[in-house]
Amino acid sequence: MNPVYQKYLLVVVLILFAAVGVKAAERRFKLPPETAELKPGPGRDAAKVSCLLCHSADYISTQPKLEKSGWIAEVQKMREKYGAPISTNQVDSLVEYLVTNYGKPAKPSP
């Protein structure tokens, strides 16, 4: 193949890739409005600030009902693996809120 033709072809291919990249960057997505709210109670504000940055209130409410140890593990996972902005001094109140509002019902004492 002629070297001049190769350079011309390379330029055309690069322009096409650039055009595709620009077109892809223009895509916009509109998320549906939030329809669910976190349940009221102590710790709700911490949950709004820490949890709703990444997922909806619906997502929290549809999770399996966990005991306290399960919610502690979830909060730690969100902090350590996903970088959720939950300070150490917020963990206890956040876990308590999640257990109270989205946890397994307490077992009756015998």
PDB file of N, CA and C in Angstrom:
ATOM      1  N   MET A   1       0.851  -1.174   0.000  1.00  0.00           N
ATOM      2  CA  MET A   1       0.000   0.000   0.000  1.00  0.00           C
ATOM      3  C   MET A   1       0.899   1.240   0.000  1.00  0.00           C
ATOM      4  N   ASN A   2       0.473   2.239  -0.720  1.00  0.00           N
ATOM      5  CA  ASN A   2       1.207   3.487  -0.848  1.00  0.00           C
ATOM      6  C   ASN A   2       1.318   4.170   0.518  1.00  0.00           C
ATOM      7  N   PRO A   3       2.533   4.624   0.950  1.00  0.00           N
ATOM      8  CA  PRO A   3       2.703   5.274   2.255  1.00  0.00           C
ATOM      9  C   PRO A   3       1.846   6.538   2.415  1.00  0.00           C
ATOM     10  N   VAL A   4       1.651   7.284   1.366  1.00  0.00           N
ATOM     11  CA  VAL A   4       0.814   8.484   1.446  1.00  0.00           C
ATOM     12  C   VAL A   4      -0.633   8.072   1.719  1.00  0.00           C
ATOM     13  N   TYR A   5      -1.088   7.033   1.036  1.00  0.00           N
ATOM     14  CA  TYR A   5      -2.442   6.520   1.236  1.00  0.00           C
ATOM     15  C   TYR A   5      -2.613   6.007   2.659  1.00  0.00           C
ATOM     16  N   GLN A   6      -1.583   5.335   3.212  1.00  0.00           N
ATOM     17  CA  GLN A   6      -1.639   4.824   4.584  1.00  0.00           C
ATOM     18  C   GLN A   6      -1.808   5.976   5.576  1.00  0.00           C
ATOM     19  N   LYS A   7      -1.043   7.050   5.386  1.00  0.00           N
ATOM     20  CA  LYS A   7      -1.164   8.195   6.287  1.00  0.00           C
ATOM     21  C   LYS A   7      -2.559   8.831   6.182  1.00  0.00           C
ATOM     22  N   TYR A   8      -3.050   8.951   4.952  1.00  0.00           N
ATOM     23  CA  TYR A   8      -4.388   9.504   4.732  1.00  0.00           C
ATOM     24  C   TYR A   8      -5.440   8.643   5.432  1.00  0.00           C
ATOM     25  N   LEU A   9      -5.320   7.325   5.276  1.00  0.00           N
ATOM     26  CA  LEU A   9      -6.254   6.396   5.894  1.00  0.00           C
ATOM     27  C   LEU A   9      -6.190   6.494   7.418  1.00  0.00           C
ATOM     28  N   LEU A  10      -4.994   6.610   7.956  1.00  0.00           N
ATOM     29  CA  LEU A  10      -4.819   6.737   9.405  1.00  0.00           C
ATOM     30  C   LEU A  10      -5.502   8.007   9.915  1.00  0.00           C
ATOM     31  N   VAL A  11      -5.340   9.110   9.207  1.00  0.00           N
ATOM     32  CA  VAL A  11      -5.973  10.374   9.606  1.00  0.00           C
ATOM     33  C   VAL A  11      -7.494  10.238   9.581  1.00  0.00           C
ATOM     34  N   VAL A  12      -8.022   9.611   8.556  1.00  0.00           N
ATOM     35  CA  VAL A  12      -9.471   9.424   8.453  1.00  0.00           C
ATOM     36  C   VAL A  12      -9.982   8.568   9.614  1.00  0.00           C
ATOM     37  N   VAL A  13      -9.278   7.499   9.922  1.00  0.00           N
ATOM     38  CA  VAL A  13      -9.682   6.618  11.025  1.00  0.00           C
ATOM     39  C   VAL A  13      -9.642   7.371  12.351  1.00  0.00           C
ATOM     40  N   LEU A  14      -8.612   8.152  12.583  1.00  0.00           N
ATOM     41  CA  LEU A  14      -8.509   8.923  13.827  1.00  0.00           C
ATOM     42  C   LEU A  14      -9.644   9.939  13.940  1.00  0.00           C
ATOM     43  N   ILE A  15      -9.988  10.579  12.828  1.00  0.00           N
ATOM     44  CA  ILE A  15     -11.099  11.540  12.840  1.00  0.00           C
ATOM     45  C   ILE A  15     -12.415  10.831  13.162  1.00  0.00           C
ATOM     46  N   LEU A  16     -12.603   9.652  12.590  1.00  0.00           N
ATOM     47  CA  LEU A  16     -13.829   8.898  12.882  1.00  0.00           C
ATOM     48  C   LEU A  16     -13.915   8.505  14.352  1.00  0.00           C
ATOM     49  N   PHE A  17     -12.777   8.030  14.909  1.00  0.00           N
ATOM     50  CA  PHE A  17     -12.771   7.674  16.331  1.00  0.00           C
ATOM     51  C   PHE A  17     -13.062   8.893  17.194  1.00  0.00           C
ATOM     52  N   ALA A  18     -12.489  10.031  16.842  1.00  0.00           N
ATOM     53  CA  ALA A  18     -12.730  11.256  17.606  1.00  0.00           C
ATOM     54  C   ALA A  18     -14.199  11.653  17.523  1.00  0.00           C
ATOM     55  N   ALA A  19     -14.782  11.536  16.342  1.00  0.00           N
ATOM     56  CA  ALA A  19     -16.200  11.893  16.171  1.00  0.00           C
ATOM     57  C   ALA A  19     -17.098  10.988  16.992  1.00  0.00           C
ATOM     58  N   VAL A  20     -16.794   9.719  17.004  1.00  0.00           N
ATOM     59  CA  VAL A  20     -17.580   8.771  17.798  1.00  0.00           C
ATOM     60  C   VAL A  20     -17.431   9.095  19.278  1.00  0.00           C
ATOM     61  N   GLY A  21     -16.214   9.405  19.713  1.00  0.00           N
ATOM     62  CA  GLY A  21     -15.979   9.749  21.119  1.00  0.00           C
ATOM     63  C   GLY A  21     -16.737  10.988  21.531  1.00  0.00           C
ATOM     64  N   VAL A  22     -16.766  12.014  20.679  1.00  0.00           N
ATOM     65  CA  VAL A  22     -17.487  13.245  20.983  1.00  0.00           C
ATOM     66  C   VAL A  22     -18.980  12.973  21.050  1.00  0.00           C
ATOM     67  N   LYS A  23     -19.481  12.195  20.121  1.00  0.00           N
ATOM     68  CA  LYS A  23     -20.909  11.879  20.120  1.00  0.00           C
ATOM     69  C   LYS A  23     -21.287  11.104  21.380  1.00  0.00           C
ATOM     70  N   ALA A  24     -20.456  10.163  21.794  1.00  0.00           N
ATOM     71  CA  ALA A  24     -20.733   9.386  23.005  1.00  0.00           C
ATOM     72  C   ALA A  24     -20.714  10.276  24.232  1.00  0.00           C
ATOM     73  N   ALA A  25     -19.840  11.266  24.245  1.00  0.00           N
ATOM     74  CA  ALA A  25     -19.754  12.154  25.403  1.00  0.00           C
ATOM     75  C   ALA A  25     -20.993  13.038  25.526  1.00  0.00           C
ATOM     76  N   GLU A  26     -21.736  13.221  24.459  1.00  0.00           N
ATOM     77  CA  GLU A  26     -22.907  14.083  24.487  1.00  0.00           C
ATOM     78  C   GLU A  26     -24.148  13.402  25.055  1.00  0.00           C
ATOM     79  N   ARG A  27     -24.101  12.124  25.261  1.00  0.00           N
ATOM     80  CA  ARG A  27     -25.281  11.431  25.781  1.00  0.00           C
ATOM     81  C   ARG A  27     -25.576  11.884  27.200  1.00  0.00           C
ATOM     82  N   ARG A  28     -26.825  12.084  27.457  1.00  0.00           N
ATOM     83  CA  ARG A  28     -27.259  12.480  28.790  1.00  0.00           C
ATOM     84  C   ARG A  28     -28.376  11.553  29.227  1.00  0.00           C
ATOM     85  N   PHE A  29     -28.397  11.277  30.498  1.00  0.00           N
ATOM     86  CA  PHE A  29     -29.416  10.404  31.048  1.00  0.00           C
ATOM     87  C   PHE A  29     -30.177  11.171  32.116  1.00  0.00           C
ATOM     88  N   LYS A  30     -31.472  11.012  32.107  1.00  0.00           N
ATOM     89  CA  LYS A  30     -32.291  11.635  33.138  1.00  0.00           C
ATOM     90  C   LYS A  30     -32.843  10.524  34.019  1.00  0.00           C
ATOM     91  N   LEU A  31     -32.483  10.595  35.272  1.00  0.00           N
ATOM     92  CA  LEU A  31     -32.962   9.597  36.220  1.00  0.00           C
ATOM     93  C   LEU A  31     -34.397   9.919  36.627  1.00  0.00           C
ATOM     94  N   PRO A  32     -35.175   8.901  36.917  1.00  0.00           N
ATOM     95  CA  PRO A  32     -36.547   9.175  37.377  1.00  0.00           C
ATOM     96  C   PRO A  32     -36.508   9.860  38.737  1.00  0.00           C
ATOM     97  N   PRO A  33     -37.525  10.616  39.064  1.00  0.00           N
ATOM     98  CA  PRO A  33     -37.534  11.292  40.365  1.00  0.00           C
ATOM     99  C   PRO A  33     -37.615  10.277  41.509  1.00  0.00           C
ATOM    100  N   GLU A  34     -37.050  10.646  42.607  1.00  0.00           N
ATOM    101  CA  GLU A  34     -37.090   9.809  43.814  1.00  0.00           C
ATOM    102  C   GLU A  34     -38.526   9.793  44.321  1.00  0.00           C
ATOM    103  N   THR A  35     -39.052   8.621  44.569  1.00  0.00           N
ATOM    104  CA  THR A  35     -40.429   8.519  45.048  1.00  0.00           C
ATOM    105  C   THR A  35     -40.507   7.991  46.475  1.00  0.00           C
ATOM    106  N   ALA A  36     -39.441   7.421  46.947  1.00  0.00           N
ATOM    107  CA  ALA A  36     -39.434   6.867  48.302  1.00  0.00           C
ATOM    108  C   ALA A  36     -38.652   7.790  49.226  1.00  0.00           C
ATOM    109  N   GLU A  37     -38.930   7.673  50.493  1.00  0.00           N
ATOM    110  CA  GLU A  37     -38.198   8.432  51.501  1.00  0.00           C
ATOM    111  C   GLU A  37     -37.738   7.476  52.584  1.00  0.00           C
ATOM    112  N   LEU A  38     -36.656   7.841  53.241  1.00  0.00           N
ATOM    113  CA  LEU A  38     -36.211   7.052  54.385  1.00  0.00           C
ATOM    114  C   LEU A  38     -37.214   7.228  55.520  1.00  0.00           C
ATOM    115  N   LYS A  39     -37.366   6.182  56.292  1.00  0.00           N
ATOM    116  CA  LYS A  39     -38.298   6.246  57.423  1.00  0.00           C
ATOM    117  C   LYS A  39     -37.801   7.273  58.443  1.00  0.00           C
ATOM    118  N   PRO A  40     -38.724   7.977  59.090  1.00  0.00           N
ATOM    119  CA  PRO A  40     -38.307   8.961  60.099  1.00  0.00           C
ATOM    120  C   PRO A  40     -37.729   8.281  61.329  1.00  0.00           C
ATOM    121  N   GLY A  41     -36.851   8.984  61.999  1.00  0.00           N
ATOM    122  CA  GLY A  41     -36.280   8.477  63.234  1.00  0.00           C
ATOM    123  C   GLY A  41     -34.879   9.018  63.449  1.00  0.00           C
ATOM    124  N   PRO A  42     -34.375   8.850  64.671  1.00  0.00           N
ATOM    125  CA  PRO A  42     -33.016   9.296  64.964  1.00  0.00           C
ATOM    126  C   PRO A  42     -32.019   8.586  64.038  1.00  0.00           C
ATOM    127  N   GLY A  43     -31.127   9.364  63.422  1.00  0.00           N
ATOM    128  CA  GLY A  43     -30.144   8.796  62.507  1.00  0.00           C
ATOM    129  C   GLY A  43     -30.522   8.944  61.043  1.00  0.00           C
ATOM    130  N   ARG A  44     -31.736   9.409  60.797  1.00  0.00           N
ATOM    131  CA  ARG A  44     -32.193   9.550  59.414  1.00  0.00           C
ATOM    132  C   ARG A  44     -31.328  10.539  58.626  1.00  0.00           C
ATOM    133  N   ASP A  45     -30.950  11.640  59.248  1.00  0.00           N
ATOM    134  CA  ASP A  45     -30.127  12.628  58.556  1.00  0.00           C
ATOM    135  C   ASP A  45     -28.772  12.042  58.169  1.00  0.00           C
ATOM    136  N   ALA A  46     -28.191  11.271  59.060  1.00  0.00           N
ATOM    137  CA  ALA A  46     -26.904  10.627  58.742  1.00  0.00           C
ATOM    138  C   ALA A  46     -27.072   9.658  57.578  1.00  0.00           C
ATOM    139  N   ALA A  47     -28.184   8.947  57.542  1.00  0.00           N
ATOM    140  CA  ALA A  47     -28.450   8.017  56.446  1.00  0.00           C
ATOM    141  C   ALA A  47     -28.640   8.773  55.132  1.00  0.00           C
ATOM    142  N   LYS A  48     -29.338   9.904  55.189  1.00  0.00           N
ATOM    143  CA  LYS A  48     -29.523  10.699  53.972  1.00  0.00           C
ATOM    144  C   LYS A  48     -28.177  11.145  53.413  1.00  0.00           C
ATOM    145  N   VAL A  49     -27.333  11.672  54.276  1.00  0.00           N
ATOM    146  CA  VAL A  49     -26.037  12.192  53.841  1.00  0.00           C
ATOM    147  C   VAL A  49     -25.109  11.068  53.380  1.00  0.00           C
ATOM    148  N   SER A  50     -25.108   9.965  54.087  1.00  0.00           N
ATOM    149  CA  SER A  50     -24.140   8.903  53.810  1.00  0.00           C
ATOM    150  C   SER A  50     -24.604   7.885  52.782  1.00  0.00           C
ATOM    151  N   CYS A  51     -25.862   7.543  52.797  1.00  0.00           N
ATOM    152  CA  CYS A  51     -26.351   6.439  51.969  1.00  0.00           C
ATOM    153  C   CYS A  51     -26.948   6.887  50.638  1.00  0.00           C
ATOM    154  N   LEU A  52     -27.685   7.985  50.662  1.00  0.00           N
ATOM    155  CA  LEU A  52     -28.409   8.393  49.465  1.00  0.00           C
ATOM    156  C   LEU A  52     -27.525   9.039  48.409  1.00  0.00           C
ATOM    157  N   LEU A  53     -26.244   9.169  48.699  1.00  0.00           N
ATOM    158  CA  LEU A  53     -25.315   9.636  47.668  1.00  0.00           C
ATOM    159  C   LEU A  53     -25.184   8.613  46.554  1.00  0.00           C
ATOM    160  N   CYS A  54     -25.292   7.341  46.916  1.00  0.00           N
ATOM    161  CA  CYS A  54     -25.050   6.270  45.941  1.00  0.00           C
ATOM    162  C   CYS A  54     -26.299   5.485  45.552  1.00  0.00           C
ATOM    163  N   HIS A  55     -27.247   5.374  46.445  1.00  0.00           N
ATOM    164  CA  HIS A  55     -28.452   4.624  46.095  1.00  0.00           C
ATOM    165  C   HIS A  55     -29.685   5.239  46.717  1.00  0.00           C
ATOM    166  N   SER A  56     -30.821   4.796  46.254  1.00  0.00           N
ATOM    167  CA  SER A  56     -32.096   5.390  46.649  1.00  0.00           C
ATOM    168  C   SER A  56     -32.609   4.834  47.977  1.00  0.00           C
ATOM    169  N   ALA A  57     -33.588   5.529  48.507  1.00  0.00           N
ATOM    170  CA  ALA A  57     -34.258   5.041  49.707  1.00  0.00           C
ATOM    171  C   ALA A  57     -34.962   3.717  49.413  1.00  0.00           C
ATOM    172  N   ASP A  58     -35.484   3.586  48.205  1.00  0.00           N
ATOM    173  CA  ASP A  58     -36.112   2.325  47.794  1.00  0.00           C
ATOM    174  C   ASP A  58     -35.123   1.168  47.889  1.00  0.00           C
ATOM    175  N   TYR A  59     -33.903   1.410  47.472  1.00  0.00           N
ATOM    176  CA  TYR A  59     -32.876   0.361  47.506  1.00  0.00           C
ATOM    177  C   TYR A  59     -32.659  -0.124  48.935  1.00  0.00           C
ATOM    178  N   ILE A  60     -32.604   0.810  49.864  1.00  0.00           N
ATOM    179  CA  ILE A  60     -32.401   0.439  51.273  1.00  0.00           C
ATOM    180  C   ILE A  60     -33.598  -0.353  51.780  1.00  0.00           C
ATOM    181  N   SER A  61     -34.790   0.103  51.452  1.00  0.00           N
ATOM    182  CA  SER A  61     -35.994  -0.541  51.982  1.00  0.00           C
ATOM    183  C   SER A  61     -36.254  -1.922  51.385  1.00  0.00           C
ATOM    184  N   THR A  62     -35.652  -2.226  50.249  1.00  0.00           N
ATOM    185  CA  THR A  62     -35.878  -3.538  49.629  1.00  0.00           C
ATOM    186  C   THR A  62     -34.778  -4.548  49.952  1.00  0.00           C
ATOM    187  N   GLN A  63     -33.819  -4.146  50.765  1.00  0.00           N
ATOM    188  CA  GLN A  63     -32.765  -5.080  51.164  1.00  0.00           C
ATOM    189  C   GLN A  63     -33.315  -6.083  52.175  1.00  0.00           C
ATOM    190  N   PRO A  64     -32.649  -7.226  52.293  1.00  0.00           N
ATOM    191  CA  PRO A  64     -33.083  -8.193  53.318  1.00  0.00           C
ATOM    192  C   PRO A  64     -33.031  -7.558  54.708  1.00  0.00           C
ATOM    193  N   LYS A  65     -33.962  -7.954  55.541  1.00  0.00           N
ATOM    194  CA  LYS A  65     -33.993  -7.455  56.914  1.00  0.00           C
ATOM    195  C   LYS A  65     -32.825  -8.080  57.671  1.00  0.00           C
ATOM    196  N   LEU A  66     -31.899  -7.252  58.098  1.00  0.00           N
ATOM    197  CA  LEU A  66     -30.695  -7.740  58.764  1.00  0.00           C
ATOM    198  C   LEU A  66     -30.755  -7.491  60.260  1.00  0.00           C
ATOM    199  N   GLU A  67     -30.062  -8.342  60.984  1.00  0.00           N
ATOM    200  CA  GLU A  67     -29.871  -8.103  62.411  1.00  0.00           C
ATOM    201  C   GLU A  67     -28.761  -7.065  62.559  1.00  0.00           C
ATOM    202  N   LYS A  68     -28.504  -6.653  63.777  1.00  0.00           N
ATOM    203  CA  LYS A  68     -27.509  -5.615  64.020  1.00  0.00           C
ATOM    204  C   LYS A  68     -26.144  -5.980  63.445  1.00  0.00           C
ATOM    205  N   SER A  69     -25.707  -7.213  63.636  1.00  0.00           N
ATOM    206  CA  SER A  69     -24.390  -7.616  63.126  1.00  0.00           C
ATOM    207  C   SER A  69     -24.334  -7.509  61.601  1.00  0.00           C
ATOM    208  N   GLY A  70     -25.440  -7.788  60.947  1.00  0.00           N
ATOM    209  CA  GLY A  70     -25.507  -7.673  59.488  1.00  0.00           C
ATOM    210  C   GLY A  70     -25.415  -6.231  59.022  1.00  0.00           C
ATOM    211  N   TRP A  71     -26.096  -5.321  59.734  1.00  0.00           N
ATOM    212  CA  TRP A  71     -26.028  -3.916  59.357  1.00  0.00           C
ATOM    213  C   TRP A  71     -24.654  -3.323  59.659  1.00  0.00           C
ATOM    214  N   ILE A  72     -24.026  -3.785  60.732  1.00  0.00           N
ATOM    215  CA  ILE A  72     -22.656  -3.331  61.018  1.00  0.00           C
ATOM    216  C   ILE A  72     -21.741  -3.728  59.864  1.00  0.00           C
ATOM    217  N   ALA A  73     -21.866  -4.963  59.413  1.00  0.00           N
ATOM    218  CA  ALA A  73     -21.038  -5.441  58.302  1.00  0.00           C
ATOM    219  C   ALA A  73     -21.322  -4.648  57.024  1.00  0.00           C
ATOM    220  N   GLU A  74     -22.586  -4.340  56.756  1.00  0.00           N
ATOM    221  CA  GLU A  74     -22.943  -3.567  55.562  1.00  0.00           C
ATOM    222  C   GLU A  74     -22.350  -2.161  55.608  1.00  0.00           C
ATOM    223  N   VAL A  75     -22.470  -1.512  56.755  1.00  0.00           N
ATOM    224  CA  VAL A  75     -21.944  -0.153  56.890  1.00  0.00           C
ATOM    225  C   VAL A  75     -20.422  -0.169  56.734  1.00  0.00           C
ATOM    226  N   GLN A  76     -19.764  -1.147  57.351  1.00  0.00           N
ATOM    227  CA  GLN A  76     -18.308  -1.248  57.214  1.00  0.00           C
ATOM    228  C   GLN A  76     -17.917  -1.500  55.762  1.00  0.00           C
ATOM    229  N   LYS A  77     -18.652  -2.354  55.075  1.00  0.00           N
ATOM    230  CA  LYS A  77     -18.366  -2.625  53.657  1.00  0.00           C
ATOM    231  C   LYS A  77     -18.509  -1.352  52.838  1.00  0.00           C
ATOM    232  N   MET A  78     -19.575  -0.598  53.089  1.00  0.00           N
ATOM    233  CA  MET A  78     -19.779   0.642  52.340  1.00  0.00           C
ATOM    234  C   MET A  78     -18.642   1.630  52.590  1.00  0.00           C
ATOM    235  N   ARG A  79     -18.167   1.686  53.811  1.00  0.00           N
ATOM    236  CA  ARG A  79     -17.051   2.592  54.146  1.00  0.00           C
ATOM    237  C   ARG A  79     -15.751   2.126  53.508  1.00  0.00           C
ATOM    238  N   GLU A  80     -15.421   0.851  53.709  1.00  0.00           N
ATOM    239  CA  GLU A  80     -14.101   0.351  53.335  1.00  0.00           C
ATOM    240  C   GLU A  80     -13.983  -0.017  51.857  1.00  0.00           C
ATOM    241  N   LYS A  81     -14.987  -0.640  51.301  1.00  0.00           N
ATOM    242  CA  LYS A  81     -14.910  -1.113  49.911  1.00  0.00           C
ATOM    243  C   LYS A  81     -15.382  -0.075  48.904  1.00  0.00           C
ATOM    244  N   TYR A  82     -16.416   0.701  49.284  1.00  0.00           N
ATOM    245  CA  TYR A  82     -17.017   1.628  48.337  1.00  0.00           C
ATOM    246  C   TYR A  82     -16.749   3.094  48.654  1.00  0.00           C
ATOM    247  N   GLY A  83     -16.067   3.364  49.762  1.00  0.00           N
ATOM    248  CA  GLY A  83     -15.691   4.732  50.094  1.00  0.00           C
ATOM    249  C   GLY A  83     -16.821   5.633  50.542  1.00  0.00           C
ATOM    250  N   ALA A  84     -17.862   5.055  51.118  1.00  0.00           N
ATOM    251  CA  ALA A  84     -18.977   5.874  51.613  1.00  0.00           C
ATOM    252  C   ALA A  84     -18.457   6.845  52.672  1.00  0.00           C
ATOM    253  N   PRO A  85     -18.922   8.087  52.619  1.00  0.00           N
ATOM    254  CA  PRO A  85     -18.439   9.099  53.564  1.00  0.00           C
ATOM    255  C   PRO A  85     -19.098   8.969  54.938  1.00  0.00           C
ATOM    256  N   ILE A  86     -18.750   7.928  55.635  1.00  0.00           N
ATOM    257  CA  ILE A  86     -19.304   7.667  56.971  1.00  0.00           C
ATOM    258  C   ILE A  86     -18.150   7.735  57.953  1.00  0.00           C
ATOM    259  N   SER A  87     -18.179   8.729  58.828  1.00  0.00           N
ATOM    260  CA  SER A  87     -17.104   8.847  59.808  1.00  0.00           C
ATOM    261  C   SER A  87     -17.283   7.794  60.904  1.00  0.00           C
ATOM    262  N   THR A  88     -16.206   7.489  61.571  1.00  0.00           N
ATOM    263  CA  THR A  88     -16.230   6.463  62.626  1.00  0.00           C
ATOM    264  C   THR A  88     -17.267   6.787  63.691  1.00  0.00           C
ATOM    265  N   ASN A  89     -17.402   8.075  64.040  1.00  0.00           N
ATOM    266  CA  ASN A  89     -18.364   8.421  65.097  1.00  0.00           C
ATOM    267  C   ASN A  89     -19.817   8.398  64.617  1.00  0.00           C
ATOM    268  N   GLN A  90     -20.059   8.204  63.321  1.00  0.00           N
ATOM    269  CA  GLN A  90     -21.426   8.093  62.805  1.00  0.00           C
ATOM    270  C   GLN A  90     -21.893   6.645  62.707  1.00  0.00           C
ATOM    271  N   VAL A  91     -20.980   5.706  62.744  1.00  0.00           N
ATOM    272  CA  VAL A  91     -21.321   4.303  62.487  1.00  0.00           C
ATOM    273  C   VAL A  91     -22.397   3.801  63.436  1.00  0.00           C
ATOM    274  N   ASP A  92     -22.221   4.008  64.719  1.00  0.00           N
ATOM    275  CA  ASP A  92     -23.178   3.468  65.699  1.00  0.00           C
ATOM    276  C   ASP A  92     -24.592   4.012  65.488  1.00  0.00           C
ATOM    277  N   SER A  93     -24.712   5.341  65.295  1.00  0.00           N
ATOM    278  CA  SER A  93     -26.056   5.908  65.126  1.00  0.00           C
ATOM    279  C   SER A  93     -26.664   5.473  63.801  1.00  0.00           C
ATOM    280  N   LEU A  94     -25.837   5.345  62.763  1.00  0.00           N
ATOM    281  CA  LEU A  94     -26.345   4.893  61.465  1.00  0.00           C
ATOM    282  C   LEU A  94     -26.818   3.450  61.545  1.00  0.00           C
ATOM    283  N   VAL A  95     -26.030   2.604  62.174  1.00  0.00           N
ATOM    284  CA  VAL A  95     -26.408   1.196  62.329  1.00  0.00           C
ATOM    285  C   VAL A  95     -27.689   1.096  63.150  1.00  0.00           C
ATOM    286  N   GLU A  96     -27.780   1.859  64.207  1.00  0.00           N
ATOM    287  CA  GLU A  96     -28.980   1.832  65.050  1.00  0.00           C
ATOM    288  C   GLU A  96     -30.209   2.255  64.246  1.00  0.00           C
ATOM    289  N   TYR A  97     -30.069   3.271  63.423  1.00  0.00           N
ATOM    290  CA  TYR A  97     -31.173   3.711  62.569  1.00  0.00           C
ATOM    291  C   TYR A  97     -31.580   2.594  61.606  1.00  0.00           C
ATOM    292  N   LEU A  98     -30.606   1.971  60.962  1.00  0.00           N
ATOM    293  CA  LEU A  98     -30.910   0.916  59.997  1.00  0.00           C
ATOM    294  C   LEU A  98     -31.547  -0.303  60.662  1.00  0.00           C
ATOM    295  N   VAL A  99     -31.045  -0.672  61.824  1.00  0.00           N
ATOM    296  CA  VAL A  99     -31.616  -1.814  62.547  1.00  0.00           C
ATOM    297  C   VAL A  99     -33.050  -1.507  62.961  1.00  0.00           C
ATOM    298  N   THR A 100     -33.269  -0.329  63.508  1.00  0.00           N
ATOM    299  CA  THR A 100     -34.597   0.051  63.988  1.00  0.00           C
ATOM    300  C   THR A 100     -35.616   0.121  62.863  1.00  0.00           C
ATOM    301  N   ASN A 101     -35.203   0.671  61.717  1.00  0.00           N
ATOM    302  CA  ASN A 101     -36.155   0.934  60.640  1.00  0.00           C
ATOM    303  C   ASN A 101     -36.157  -0.087  59.515  1.00  0.00           C
ATOM    304  N   TYR A 102     -35.041  -0.805  59.342  1.00  0.00           N
ATOM    305  CA  TYR A 102     -34.938  -1.744  58.222  1.00  0.00           C
ATOM    306  C   TYR A 102     -34.354  -3.087  58.660  1.00  0.00           C
ATOM    307  N   GLY A 103     -34.377  -3.347  59.951  1.00  0.00           N
ATOM    308  CA  GLY A 103     -33.807  -4.590  60.459  1.00  0.00           C
ATOM    309  C   GLY A 103     -34.856  -5.644  60.743  1.00  0.00           C
ATOM    310  N   LYS A 104     -34.348  -6.798  61.161  1.00  0.00           N
ATOM    311  CA  LYS A 104     -35.267  -7.875  61.562  1.00  0.00           C
ATOM    312  C   LYS A 104     -35.976  -7.469  62.836  1.00  0.00           C
ATOM    313  N   PRO A 105     -37.244  -7.795  62.936  1.00  0.00           N
ATOM    314  CA  PRO A 105     -37.948  -7.497  64.197  1.00  0.00           C
ATOM    315  C   PRO A 105     -37.278  -8.223  65.358  1.00  0.00           C
ATOM    316  N   ALA A 106     -37.269  -7.559  66.498  1.00  0.00           N
ATOM    317  CA  ALA A 106     -36.658  -8.157  67.686  1.00  0.00           C
ATOM    318  C   ALA A 106     -37.392  -9.435  68.054  1.00  0.00           C
ATOM    319  N   LYS A 107     -36.612 -10.441  68.442  1.00  0.00           N
ATOM    320  CA  LYS A 107     -37.231 -11.703  68.874  1.00  0.00           C
ATOM    321  C   LYS A 107     -37.816 -11.520  70.258  1.00  0.00           C
ATOM    322  N   PRO A 108     -39.022 -12.005  70.472  1.00  0.00           N
ATOM    323  CA  PRO A 108     -39.620 -11.868  71.804  1.00  0.00           C
ATOM    324  C   PRO A 108     -38.821 -12.667  72.834  1.00  0.00           C
ATOM    325  N   SER A 109     -38.708 -12.093  74.027  1.00  0.00           N
ATOM    326  CA  SER A 109     -38.006 -12.818  75.092  1.00  0.00           C
ATOM    327  C   SER A 109     -38.883 -13.945  75.614  1.00  0.00           C
ATOM    328  N   PRO A 110     -38.230 -15.043  75.968  1.00  0.00           N
ATOM    329  CA  PRO A 110     -39.018 -16.192  76.463  1.00  0.00           C
ATOM    330  C   PRO A 110     -39.611 -15.958  77.820  1.00  0.00           C
TER     331      PRO A 110
END
